[in-house]
Amino acid sequence: MPDKQHHYTVTVTWTGNRGEGTRTYSAYSRDHVIEAAGKRAIQGSSDPAFRGDPARWNPEELLLASLSACHKLWYLHLCSVAGLSVLSYQDAAKGTMTEDTTGAGRFTQAILCPTIAFAAGVDVAKAEALHDDAHRHCFIANSVNFPVLCEPIFVIG
């Protein structure tokens, strides 16, 4: 059976022309809008370290959020299939990007730190093992070239 393909389309529109375009480095805003059909727009910018608006999402945060959300969705699915009742899930994910002397950068790692609440009587060893399975299945984690670690905290009862 051939592999399935899924296609995605987004539109990113730069909204930061202050009247002079990119005439100088400080003449323009890094603001943009990310859109997809039928969804609310996301107000984006660059990281404040790169002259961005701190009130808007930056690409680095969106990458980290994508890793976290993908892992969570797989984890919840696998728990459901295994009969483990997750009551709540919240991830305080962290990522590290290293910038070199030329200004180029790359993520060097991400750490997912989910706190997961389970009903009493859960098999904690199984709950922990399912994180490895979720990682192996995660579409986004399988697409990046840096380590994605998971340090879960379990709350039982």
Foldseek 3Di string as FASTA:
>chain_A
DDDDDDDADKDKAQPWQPPPRPPDQPRTFQWIWIDDPPDDIFIEGDDVVSVHDPVGHHPVNVLQVLQQVLLVVQLVVVCVVVVWAWPDKDWPKDWDKDADPVRDIDTAEIETEMEIETEAPDDVVVSVVSSVVSCVVRPSNVVDDHYYHYDYHYHYD
